[in-house]
Amino acid sequence: MWKKSELREAPEPLEGPVVGTITGGTIIWFVLFLAQLPFYGWFADHDRTWWVWTCLAGGSLGILGIWYVRKRDAAIKRAAAAAADSSTP
């Protein structure tokens, strides 16, 4: 059990290339969707069509994610520029 004296503050979150990561993941989902389309009959015969539609859903949600992280990245840059402008005399 943790004692109160042993608790530490959480470190700052790491920022990485979020837009590139989400874009890459979205591309992978769409490539998987397109790669499975020729085999749709096999998936239907084996009751596995949800694999195809999962890839399409992942790609579609990835597009939403790209929009979100681009807006977030722009807001972070605007806030940093505003902080830099207000700190210079």
N, C-alpha and C. Protein backbone atom coordinates (compact mmCIF):
# COMPACT_ATOMS: atom_id res chain seq x y z
N MET A 1 0.85 -1.18 0.00
CA MET A 1 0.00 0.00 0.00
C MET A 1 0.89 1.24 0.00
N TRP A 2 0.51 2.22 -0.78
CA TRP A 2 1.27 3.47 -0.87
C TRP A 2 0.98 4.35 0.34
N LYS A 3 2.04 4.88 0.90
CA LYS A 3 1.88 5.87 1.96
C LYS A 3 1.83 7.24 1.33
N LYS A 4 1.21 8.16 2.01
CA LYS A 4 1.06 9.50 1.46
C LYS A 4 2.41 10.14 1.18
N SER A 5 3.42 9.84 1.98
CA SER A 5 4.74 10.42 1.77
C SER A 5 5.42 9.86 0.52
N GLU A 6 4.96 8.71 0.03
CA GLU A 6 5.57 8.10 -1.15
C GLU A 6 4.93 8.55 -2.46
N LEU A 7 3.82 9.25 -2.40
CA LEU A 7 3.16 9.71 -3.62
C LEU A 7 3.96 10.82 -4.27
N ARG A 8 4.02 10.76 -5.58
CA ARG A 8 4.75 11.77 -6.34
C ARG A 8 3.82 12.39 -7.36
N GLU A 9 4.20 13.55 -7.83
CA GLU A 9 3.43 14.19 -8.89
C GLU A 9 3.61 13.43 -10.19
N ALA A 10 2.57 13.41 -10.97
CA ALA A 10 2.64 12.75 -12.28
C ALA A 10 3.53 13.57 -13.21
N PRO A 11 4.34 12.92 -14.03
CA PRO A 11 5.17 13.66 -14.98
C PRO A 11 4.32 14.28 -16.08
N GLU A 12 4.90 15.24 -16.76
CA GLU A 12 4.21 15.89 -17.89
C GLU A 12 4.03 14.86 -19.01
N PRO A 13 2.91 14.91 -19.71
CA PRO A 13 2.72 13.97 -20.82
C PRO A 13 3.69 14.25 -21.96
N LEU A 14 4.08 13.20 -22.64
CA LEU A 14 5.00 13.34 -23.77
C LEU A 14 4.20 13.69 -25.02
N GLU A 15 4.68 14.64 -25.76
CA GLU A 15 4.06 14.99 -27.04
C GLU A 15 4.92 14.42 -28.16
N GLY A 16 4.28 13.76 -29.07
CA GLY A 16 4.99 13.18 -30.21
C GLY A 16 4.33 13.62 -31.50
N PRO A 17 4.68 12.97 -32.58
CA PRO A 17 4.07 13.31 -33.88
C PRO A 17 2.67 12.71 -33.98
N VAL A 18 1.73 13.32 -33.28
CA VAL A 18 0.38 12.77 -33.17
C VAL A 18 -0.33 12.74 -34.52
N VAL A 19 -0.24 13.81 -35.28
CA VAL A 19 -0.93 13.87 -36.57
C VAL A 19 -0.41 12.77 -37.50
N GLY A 20 0.89 12.60 -37.55
CA GLY A 20 1.47 11.56 -38.40
C GLY A 20 1.09 10.16 -37.95
N THR A 21 1.03 9.95 -36.65
CA THR A 21 0.65 8.65 -36.12
C THR A 21 -0.78 8.30 -36.47
N ILE A 22 -1.70 9.24 -36.28
CA ILE A 22 -3.10 9.00 -36.59
C ILE A 22 -3.30 8.82 -38.09
N THR A 23 -2.60 9.61 -38.89
CA THR A 23 -2.69 9.48 -40.35
C THR A 23 -2.19 8.12 -40.81
N GLY A 24 -1.07 7.69 -40.26
CA GLY A 24 -0.53 6.38 -40.62
C GLY A 24 -1.47 5.24 -40.24
N GLY A 25 -2.05 5.33 -39.06
CA GLY A 25 -3.01 4.32 -38.64
C GLY A 25 -4.24 4.28 -39.51
N THR A 26 -4.71 5.44 -39.92
CA THR A 26 -5.88 5.52 -40.79
C THR A 26 -5.58 4.90 -42.15
N ILE A 27 -4.41 5.17 -42.67
CA ILE A 27 -4.02 4.58 -43.96
C ILE A 27 -3.96 3.06 -43.84
N ILE A 28 -3.42 2.57 -42.75
CA ILE A 28 -3.34 1.12 -42.55
C ILE A 28 -4.74 0.49 -42.52
N TRP A 29 -5.68 1.13 -41.82
CA TRP A 29 -7.05 0.61 -41.77
C TRP A 29 -7.67 0.54 -43.16
N PHE A 30 -7.47 1.60 -43.96
CA PHE A 30 -8.05 1.60 -45.30
C PHE A 30 -7.36 0.58 -46.22
N VAL A 31 -6.06 0.42 -46.08
CA VAL A 31 -5.36 -0.60 -46.87
C VAL A 31 -5.87 -1.99 -46.51
N LEU A 32 -6.06 -2.25 -45.23
CA LEU A 32 -6.61 -3.55 -44.82
C LEU A 32 -8.02 -3.76 -45.37
N PHE A 33 -8.82 -2.70 -45.37
CA PHE A 33 -10.17 -2.80 -45.93
C PHE A 33 -10.11 -3.16 -47.41
N LEU A 34 -9.28 -2.44 -48.16
CA LEU A 34 -9.17 -2.69 -49.60
C LEU A 34 -8.58 -4.07 -49.90
N ALA A 35 -7.66 -4.53 -49.05
CA ALA A 35 -7.05 -5.84 -49.26
C ALA A 35 -8.05 -6.97 -49.01
N GLN A 36 -9.03 -6.74 -48.17
CA GLN A 36 -10.00 -7.79 -47.85
C GLN A 36 -11.19 -7.82 -48.81
N LEU A 37 -11.42 -6.75 -49.54
CA LEU A 37 -12.58 -6.71 -50.44
C LEU A 37 -12.61 -7.84 -51.47
N PRO A 38 -11.49 -8.22 -52.10
CA PRO A 38 -11.56 -9.32 -53.07
C PRO A 38 -11.98 -10.65 -52.44
N PHE A 39 -11.82 -10.78 -51.14
CA PHE A 39 -12.13 -12.03 -50.45
C PHE A 39 -13.46 -11.96 -49.70
N TYR A 40 -14.30 -10.99 -50.07
CA TYR A 40 -15.56 -10.79 -49.34
C TYR A 40 -16.43 -12.06 -49.37
N GLY A 41 -16.44 -12.77 -50.48
CA GLY A 41 -17.22 -14.00 -50.57
C GLY A 41 -16.77 -15.03 -49.55
N TRP A 42 -15.46 -15.17 -49.39
CA TRP A 42 -14.94 -16.13 -48.41
C TRP A 42 -15.35 -15.70 -47.00
N PHE A 43 -15.23 -14.39 -46.72
CA PHE A 43 -15.63 -13.90 -45.40
C PHE A 43 -17.11 -14.16 -45.16
N ALA A 44 -17.94 -13.96 -46.20
CA ALA A 44 -19.38 -14.19 -46.06
C ALA A 44 -19.68 -15.67 -45.82
N ASP A 45 -18.96 -16.55 -46.52
CA ASP A 45 -19.18 -17.99 -46.35
C ASP A 45 -18.82 -18.46 -44.95
N HIS A 46 -17.83 -17.83 -44.34
CA HIS A 46 -17.37 -18.23 -43.01
C HIS A 46 -17.89 -17.33 -41.90
N ASP A 47 -18.88 -16.51 -42.21
CA ASP A 47 -19.50 -15.60 -41.24
C ASP A 47 -18.46 -14.69 -40.57
N ARG A 48 -17.59 -14.12 -41.39
CA ARG A 48 -16.55 -13.23 -40.88
C ARG A 48 -16.57 -11.86 -41.58
N THR A 49 -17.70 -11.45 -42.10
CA THR A 49 -17.77 -10.16 -42.81
C THR A 49 -17.50 -8.99 -41.87
N TRP A 50 -17.64 -9.21 -40.58
CA TRP A 50 -17.37 -8.13 -39.63
C TRP A 50 -15.91 -7.70 -39.70
N TRP A 51 -15.00 -8.57 -40.15
CA TRP A 51 -13.61 -8.17 -40.29
C TRP A 51 -13.48 -7.04 -41.31
N VAL A 52 -14.19 -7.17 -42.42
CA VAL A 52 -14.13 -6.16 -43.48
C VAL A 52 -14.70 -4.85 -42.96
N TRP A 53 -15.87 -4.93 -42.31
CA TRP A 53 -16.53 -3.70 -41.85
C TRP A 53 -15.81 -3.07 -40.67
N THR A 54 -15.07 -3.84 -39.89
CA THR A 54 -14.26 -3.28 -38.81
C THR A 54 -13.15 -2.41 -39.39
N CYS A 55 -12.53 -2.88 -40.46
CA CYS A 55 -11.48 -2.08 -41.11
C CYS A 55 -12.03 -0.78 -41.69
N LEU A 56 -13.22 -0.86 -42.28
CA LEU A 56 -13.84 0.36 -42.82
C LEU A 56 -14.19 1.32 -41.68
N ALA A 57 -14.70 0.80 -40.58
CA ALA A 57 -15.01 1.65 -39.43
C ALA A 57 -13.75 2.28 -38.85
N GLY A 58 -12.67 1.50 -38.78
CA GLY A 58 -11.41 2.05 -38.28
C GLY A 58 -10.89 3.17 -39.16
N GLY A 59 -10.97 3.01 -40.46
CA GLY A 59 -10.55 4.06 -41.38
C GLY A 59 -11.43 5.29 -41.29
N SER A 60 -12.73 5.08 -41.17
CA SER A 60 -13.65 6.21 -41.06
C SER A 60 -13.44 6.98 -39.77
N LEU A 61 -13.28 6.27 -38.67
CA LEU A 61 -13.00 6.94 -37.41
C LEU A 61 -11.62 7.60 -37.42
N GLY A 62 -10.71 7.03 -38.19
CA GLY A 62 -9.39 7.64 -38.33
C GLY A 62 -9.47 9.00 -39.00
N ILE A 63 -10.37 9.15 -39.97
CA ILE A 63 -10.55 10.46 -40.62
C ILE A 63 -11.02 11.48 -39.60
N LEU A 64 -11.96 11.08 -38.75
CA LEU A 64 -12.40 11.96 -37.67
C LEU A 64 -11.24 12.28 -36.72
N GLY A 65 -10.42 11.28 -36.45
CA GLY A 65 -9.26 11.48 -35.58
C GLY A 65 -8.24 12.44 -36.18
N ILE A 66 -8.03 12.35 -37.49
CA ILE A 66 -7.10 13.27 -38.15
C ILE A 66 -7.59 14.70 -38.02
N TRP A 67 -8.88 14.90 -38.26
CA TRP A 67 -9.47 16.24 -38.12
C TRP A 67 -9.27 16.75 -36.69
N TYR A 68 -9.54 15.89 -35.72
CA TYR A 68 -9.43 16.30 -34.32
C TYR A 68 -8.00 16.66 -33.93
N VAL A 69 -7.03 15.81 -34.26
CA VAL A 69 -5.65 16.07 -33.82
C VAL A 69 -5.04 17.25 -34.57
N ARG A 70 -5.47 17.49 -35.81
CA ARG A 70 -4.98 18.68 -36.52
C ARG A 70 -5.48 19.95 -35.84
N LYS A 71 -6.76 19.97 -35.45
CA LYS A 71 -7.31 21.12 -34.73
C LYS A 71 -6.61 21.29 -33.38
N ARG A 72 -6.37 20.19 -32.69
CA ARG A 72 -5.71 20.23 -31.38
C ARG A 72 -4.28 20.75 -31.52
N ASP A 73 -3.57 20.27 -32.52
CA ASP A 73 -2.20 20.71 -32.75
C ASP A 73 -2.15 22.20 -33.07
N ALA A 74 -3.09 22.67 -33.89
CA ALA A 74 -3.14 24.10 -34.21
C ALA A 74 -3.45 24.93 -32.98
N ALA A 75 -4.34 24.45 -32.11
CA ALA A 75 -4.68 25.18 -30.89
C ALA A 75 -3.49 25.24 -29.94
N ILE A 76 -2.73 24.16 -29.85
CA ILE A 76 -1.54 24.15 -28.99
C ILE A 76 -0.51 25.14 -29.52
N LYS A 77 -0.32 25.18 -30.83
CA LYS A 77 0.64 26.12 -31.41
C LYS A 77 0.19 27.56 -31.23
N ARG A 78 -1.13 27.83 -31.38
CA ARG A 78 -1.64 29.18 -31.15
C ARG A 78 -1.44 29.61 -29.70
N ALA A 79 -1.68 28.70 -28.76
CA ALA A 79 -1.50 29.02 -27.34
C ALA A 79 -0.03 29.28 -27.01
N ALA A 80 0.86 28.51 -27.62
CA ALA A 80 2.29 28.73 -27.39
C ALA A 80 2.73 30.05 -27.98
N ALA A 81 2.22 30.40 -29.15
CA ALA A 81 2.58 31.68 -29.77
C ALA A 81 2.03 32.85 -28.96
N ALA A 82 0.81 32.71 -28.45
CA ALA A 82 0.23 33.76 -27.62
C ALA A 82 1.00 33.93 -26.32
N ALA A 83 1.45 32.83 -25.74
CA ALA A 83 2.24 32.91 -24.51
C ALA A 83 3.59 33.54 -24.77
N ALA A 84 4.18 33.24 -25.93
CA ALA A 84 5.47 33.83 -26.28
C ALA A 84 5.32 35.32 -26.54
N ASP A 85 4.23 35.74 -27.19
CA ASP A 85 4.01 37.15 -27.46
C ASP A 85 3.75 37.95 -26.19
N SER A 86 3.03 37.35 -25.24
CA SER A 86 2.71 38.07 -24.01
C SER A 86 3.90 38.14 -23.06
N SER A 87 4.88 37.25 -23.21
CA SER A 87 6.02 37.26 -22.32
C SER A 87 7.12 38.22 -22.78
N THR A 88 7.12 38.60 -24.06
CA THR A 88 8.11 39.56 -24.54
C THR A 88 7.62 40.98 -24.29
N PRO A 89 8.49 41.84 -23.73
CA PRO A 89 8.04 43.21 -23.42
C PRO A 89 7.97 44.11 -24.62
